[in-house]
């Protein structure tokens, strides 16, 4: 059995660490570089960095902040926000990112996934999906819809269909971010995560809603995720990375431990 991964998410706005609830009421909460190093030293498996307004502002990602974070951590660094071309992906790789997250631009132009996968390898391409629950309809038969531009623009695109298409186009991993659960600290969207994890053959990262260590246990077992992404519960100091990994280990979830 492969080890599960614990991933911390740094949402960055104007160079500062930010956090929102359900993609609104976004507040600045600290320095992303300091947090990245803190989590790395405490045993984090992987770090995700999102420039959360790059797509909606129609600008490129802040490479200087990516470089500053990359200099502080020696674990896989995944970066997303405003990536529209192979050139953008290449710039991020040169800035220190190991994996590239594509989201809004890939929904609008799916060929971006295959172009980037061909250029830098499928294993380095992560399809990040922002998803909201909706009524079941002919266009959204799964009951979940893709939303882009930081949760601002519903696309009428079925999340399950998009996950399968993304895998076919060459994505090496999926991030399943539930907008309904985001920042609530009430638990991951287990039904959504399990549905997509069972449908694809590539690793699935669960995102949105973590508030207690048991939420991580639930999504890595019942939700069948390969990795759990955390933000609020570590950013605000409720738990440390090492405490979360110890809890998972104690509950039978195979983790990479530093001891």
Protein backbone atom coordinates (compact mmCIF):
# COMPACT_ATOMS: atom_id res chain seq x y z
CA UNK A 1 0.00 0.00 0.00
CA UNK A 2 1.32 3.42 -0.95
CA UNK A 3 1.68 6.01 1.79
CA UNK A 4 -0.95 8.72 1.92
CA UNK A 5 0.21 12.33 1.69
CA UNK A 6 -0.46 15.38 3.81
CA UNK A 7 -0.37 18.56 1.75
CA UNK A 8 -0.60 22.15 2.98
CA UNK A 9 -2.19 24.77 0.75
CA UNK A 10 -0.92 28.32 0.59
CA UNK A 11 -3.52 30.60 -1.02
CA UNK A 12 -1.64 33.77 -1.92
CA UNK A 13 -3.11 37.16 -2.80
CA UNK A 14 -0.87 40.14 -3.57
CA UNK A 15 2.09 38.23 -2.15
CA UNK A 16 0.40 37.52 1.21
CA UNK A 17 -1.06 34.32 2.62
CA UNK A 18 -4.87 34.53 2.46
CA UNK A 19 -7.85 32.43 3.49
CA UNK A 20 -11.51 32.50 2.57
CA UNK A 21 -14.73 30.69 3.41
CA UNK A 22 -16.50 29.21 0.40
CA UNK A 23 -14.27 31.41 -1.80
CA UNK A 24 -15.56 34.69 -0.30
CA UNK A 25 -14.59 36.91 2.66
CA UNK A 26 -10.90 36.48 1.83
CA UNK A 27 -8.51 37.79 4.48
CA UNK A 28 -4.74 38.20 4.65
CA UNK A 29 -3.34 36.00 7.43
CA UNK A 30 0.44 36.01 7.15
CA UNK A 31 3.64 35.44 5.20
CA UNK A 32 3.55 32.46 2.81
CA UNK A 33 7.32 32.03 2.87
CA UNK A 34 7.45 31.76 6.67
CA UNK A 35 4.57 29.28 6.72
CA UNK A 36 6.10 27.18 3.96
CA UNK A 37 9.33 26.75 5.89
CA UNK A 38 7.49 26.06 9.17
CA UNK A 39 5.43 23.27 7.61
CA UNK A 40 8.39 21.80 5.76
CA UNK A 41 10.47 21.59 8.95
CA UNK A 42 7.53 19.91 10.72
CA UNK A 43 7.37 17.01 8.25
CA UNK A 44 4.97 18.14 5.52
CA UNK A 45 4.88 15.82 2.49
CA UNK A 46 4.05 18.37 -0.18
CA UNK A 47 3.16 22.03 -0.59
CA UNK A 48 0.60 23.61 -2.90
CA UNK A 49 0.82 27.31 -3.77
CA UNK A 50 -2.14 29.05 -5.42
CA UNK A 51 -2.10 32.63 -6.67
CA UNK A 52 -5.85 32.95 -6.10
CA UNK A 53 -6.50 36.11 -8.12
CA UNK A 54 -4.20 35.52 -11.10
CA UNK A 55 -6.96 34.02 -13.27
CA UNK A 56 -9.69 36.48 -12.33
CA UNK A 57 -7.27 39.42 -12.72
CA UNK A 58 -6.09 37.98 -16.06
CA UNK A 59 -2.43 38.25 -15.11
CA UNK A 60 0.52 35.90 -14.74
CA UNK A 61 1.45 34.32 -11.44
CA UNK A 62 3.89 36.11 -9.12
CA UNK A 63 7.13 34.31 -9.89
CA UNK A 64 9.12 36.13 -7.20
CA UNK A 65 6.89 34.72 -4.45
CA UNK A 66 7.14 31.22 -5.95
CA UNK A 67 10.93 31.51 -6.03
CA UNK A 68 11.02 32.68 -2.41
CA UNK A 69 8.91 29.71 -1.28
CA UNK A 70 10.92 27.23 -3.37
CA UNK A 71 14.12 28.38 -1.70
CA UNK A 72 12.72 27.40 1.71
CA UNK A 73 11.33 23.91 1.09
CA UNK A 74 12.84 20.69 -0.20
CA UNK A 75 9.66 18.75 -0.79
CA UNK A 76 7.46 18.70 -3.91
CA UNK A 77 6.06 22.16 -4.62
CA UNK A 78 2.93 22.40 -6.74
CA UNK A 79 1.94 25.83 -8.10
CA UNK A 80 -1.22 27.13 -9.74
CA UNK A 81 -2.95 30.34 -10.73
CA UNK A 82 -3.09 32.07 -14.10
CA UNK A 83 -1.35 29.32 -16.09
CA UNK A 84 -2.50 29.64 -19.71
CA UNK A 85 0.35 28.21 -21.79
CA UNK A 86 3.35 25.90 -21.88
CA UNK A 87 5.51 29.01 -21.53
CA UNK A 88 3.77 29.85 -18.23
CA UNK A 89 4.32 26.30 -17.00
CA UNK A 90 7.98 26.39 -18.02
CA UNK A 91 8.52 29.70 -16.21
CA UNK A 92 7.12 28.17 -13.03
CA UNK A 93 9.32 25.11 -13.33
CA UNK A 94 12.34 27.40 -13.67
CA UNK A 95 11.16 29.30 -10.58
CA UNK A 96 11.26 26.09 -8.54
CA UNK A 97 7.86 24.44 -8.97
CA UNK A 98 7.91 20.67 -9.45
CA UNK A 99 4.24 20.34 -10.39
CA UNK A 100 2.00 22.71 -12.31
CA UNK A 101 -1.67 23.17 -11.40
CA UNK A 102 -4.03 24.09 -14.21
CA UNK A 103 -7.60 25.10 -13.55
CA UNK A 104 -9.66 27.87 -15.19
CA UNK A 105 -7.65 28.10 -18.41
CA UNK A 106 -7.82 24.33 -18.88
CA UNK A 107 -11.62 24.38 -18.60
CA UNK A 108 -11.76 27.09 -21.23
CA UNK A 109 -9.17 25.36 -23.45
CA UNK A 110 -8.74 21.67 -22.55
CA UNK A 111 -5.83 21.23 -24.98
CA UNK A 112 -3.72 23.12 -22.42
CA UNK A 113 -3.55 19.92 -20.36
CA UNK A 114 -2.16 17.78 -23.16
CA UNK A 115 0.22 20.54 -24.32
CA UNK A 116 1.70 20.91 -20.85
CA UNK A 117 1.81 17.15 -20.27
CA UNK A 118 3.74 16.67 -23.51
CA UNK A 119 6.15 19.48 -22.62
CA UNK A 120 6.95 18.65 -18.99
CA UNK A 121 5.44 15.20 -18.35
CA UNK A 122 2.02 14.04 -17.14
CA UNK A 123 3.42 13.34 -13.68
CA UNK A 124 4.01 17.08 -13.30
CA UNK A 125 0.53 18.21 -14.39
CA UNK A 126 -2.19 18.58 -11.76
CA UNK A 127 -5.76 19.34 -12.80
CA UNK A 128 -7.28 21.44 -10.03
CA UNK A 129 -11.07 21.38 -10.03
CA UNK A 130 -13.26 23.85 -8.13
CA UNK A 131 -16.62 22.15 -7.68
CA UNK A 132 -20.05 23.12 -6.36
CA UNK A 133 -23.01 20.84 -5.69
CA UNK A 134 -26.01 21.50 -7.95
CA UNK A 135 -29.30 19.86 -8.78
CA UNK A 136 -28.91 16.86 -11.05
CA UNK A 137 -29.63 17.83 -14.65
CA UNK A 138 -28.96 16.63 -18.16
CA UNK A 139 -25.73 18.64 -18.29
CA UNK A 140 -24.65 17.84 -14.69
CA UNK A 141 -25.71 14.26 -14.17
CA UNK A 142 -23.33 13.75 -11.24
CA UNK A 143 -24.89 16.61 -9.29
CA UNK A 144 -21.60 18.51 -9.21
CA UNK A 145 -20.58 21.40 -11.43
CA UNK A 146 -17.23 22.96 -12.34
CA UNK A 147 -16.75 26.63 -11.37
CA UNK A 148 -13.81 28.75 -12.52
CA UNK A 149 -12.17 32.13 -11.85
CA UNK A 150 -11.88 31.61 -8.12
CA UNK A 151 -15.45 30.38 -7.75
CA UNK A 152 -16.94 33.30 -9.64
CA UNK A 153 -18.04 31.64 -12.89
CA UNK A 154 -20.21 28.48 -13.04
CA UNK A 155 -19.57 26.55 -16.24
CA UNK A 156 -22.46 24.09 -16.43
CA UNK A 157 -19.78 21.40 -16.85
CA UNK A 158 -20.26 18.09 -15.05
CA UNK A 159 -17.40 17.49 -12.59
CA UNK A 160 -17.23 13.73 -13.20
CA UNK A 161 -17.11 14.17 -16.97
CA UNK A 162 -14.39 16.82 -16.62
CA UNK A 163 -12.29 14.63 -14.31
CA UNK A 164 -12.38 11.77 -16.82
CA UNK A 165 -11.56 14.11 -19.71
CA UNK A 166 -8.68 15.64 -17.77
CA UNK A 167 -7.21 12.20 -17.14
CA UNK A 168 -7.50 11.30 -20.84
CA UNK A 169 -5.75 14.54 -21.81
CA UNK A 170 -2.76 13.76 -19.63
CA UNK A 171 -3.28 15.12 -16.12
CA UNK A 172 -1.23 13.14 -13.61
CA UNK A 173 -3.24 14.11 -10.52
CA UNK A 174 -6.55 15.71 -9.61
CA UNK A 175 -7.27 18.22 -6.86
CA UNK A 176 -10.92 17.95 -5.84
CA UNK A 177 -11.82 21.23 -4.16
CA UNK A 178 -15.36 21.48 -2.80
CA UNK A 179 -16.43 25.13 -2.77
CA UNK A 180 -19.33 24.22 -0.47
CA UNK A 181 -16.93 22.85 2.16
CA UNK A 182 -14.04 25.30 1.60
CA UNK A 183 -12.93 27.03 4.78
CA UNK A 184 -15.87 25.72 6.84
CA UNK A 185 -13.71 23.26 8.85
CA UNK A 186 -16.74 20.92 8.96
CA UNK A 187 -15.19 18.08 6.98
CA UNK A 188 -14.40 17.19 3.39
CA UNK A 189 -17.08 16.42 0.81
CA UNK A 190 -16.72 12.65 1.08
CA UNK A 191 -19.35 11.70 -1.51
CA UNK A 192 -17.75 13.87 -4.19
CA UNK A 193 -14.21 12.77 -3.39
CA UNK A 194 -15.04 9.06 -3.37
CA UNK A 195 -17.02 9.32 -6.61
CA UNK A 196 -14.10 10.87 -8.48
CA UNK A 197 -11.44 8.70 -6.83
CA UNK A 198 -13.30 5.58 -7.95
CA UNK A 199 -13.73 6.92 -11.49
CA UNK A 200 -10.11 7.79 -12.33
CA UNK A 201 -6.85 5.87 -12.19
CA UNK A 202 -4.66 8.81 -11.19
CA UNK A 203 -4.10 10.11 -7.64
CA UNK A 204 -6.83 12.27 -6.12
CA UNK A 205 -6.12 15.05 -3.63
CA UNK A 206 -9.06 16.04 -1.41
CA UNK A 207 -9.42 19.74 -0.66
CA UNK A 208 -11.88 21.92 1.22
CA UNK A 209 -13.35 21.54 4.68
CA UNK A 210 -10.68 20.05 6.95
CA UNK A 211 -11.19 21.09 10.57
CA UNK A 212 -10.18 18.15 12.77
CA UNK A 213 -7.69 15.27 12.47
CA UNK A 214 -10.61 12.84 12.11
CA UNK A 215 -11.71 14.67 8.96
CA UNK A 216 -8.39 13.67 7.39
CA UNK A 217 -8.84 10.05 8.48
CA UNK A 218 -12.32 10.04 6.94
CA UNK A 219 -11.30 11.42 3.54
CA UNK A 220 -8.25 9.16 3.23
CA UNK A 221 -10.32 6.07 4.06
CA UNK A 222 -14.04 6.58 3.30
CA UNK A 223 -13.31 9.25 0.70
CA UNK A 224 -10.63 7.08 -0.93
CA UNK A 225 -8.34 10.05 -1.53
CA UNK A 226 -4.62 9.57 -2.03
CA UNK A 227 -3.78 12.82 -0.26
CA UNK A 228 -5.47 15.33 2.02
CA UNK A 229 -4.97 19.05 1.62
CA UNK A 230 -5.15 21.27 4.72
CA UNK A 231 -5.16 25.03 5.19
CA UNK A 232 -7.16 26.75 7.96
CA UNK A 233 -6.50 24.10 10.60
CA UNK A 234 -2.75 24.63 10.37
CA UNK A 235 -2.64 28.28 9.31
CA UNK A 236 -4.49 29.38 12.46
CA UNK A 237 -2.40 27.16 14.75
CA UNK A 238 -5.10 24.68 15.81
CA UNK A 239 -2.86 21.76 14.80
CA UNK A 240 0.69 21.21 13.64
CA UNK A 241 1.69 19.09 10.67
CA UNK A 242 3.41 16.56 12.92
CA UNK A 243 0.33 16.25 15.16
CA UNK A 244 -1.87 15.52 12.15
CA UNK A 245 0.48 12.90 10.77
CA UNK A 246 0.77 11.22 14.17
CA UNK A 247 -3.03 11.09 14.42
CA UNK A 248 -3.34 9.55 10.97
CA UNK A 249 -0.63 7.02 11.75
CA UNK A 250 -2.34 6.09 15.03
CA UNK A 251 -5.59 5.47 13.15
CA UNK A 252 -4.04 3.05 10.69
CA UNK A 253 -3.42 5.43 7.80
CA UNK A 254 -0.03 4.74 6.26
CA UNK A 255 2.04 7.92 6.30
CA UNK A 256 5.65 8.90 5.73
CA UNK A 257 6.83 9.63 9.27
CA UNK A 258 9.95 11.59 10.21
CA UNK A 259 10.69 9.38 13.20
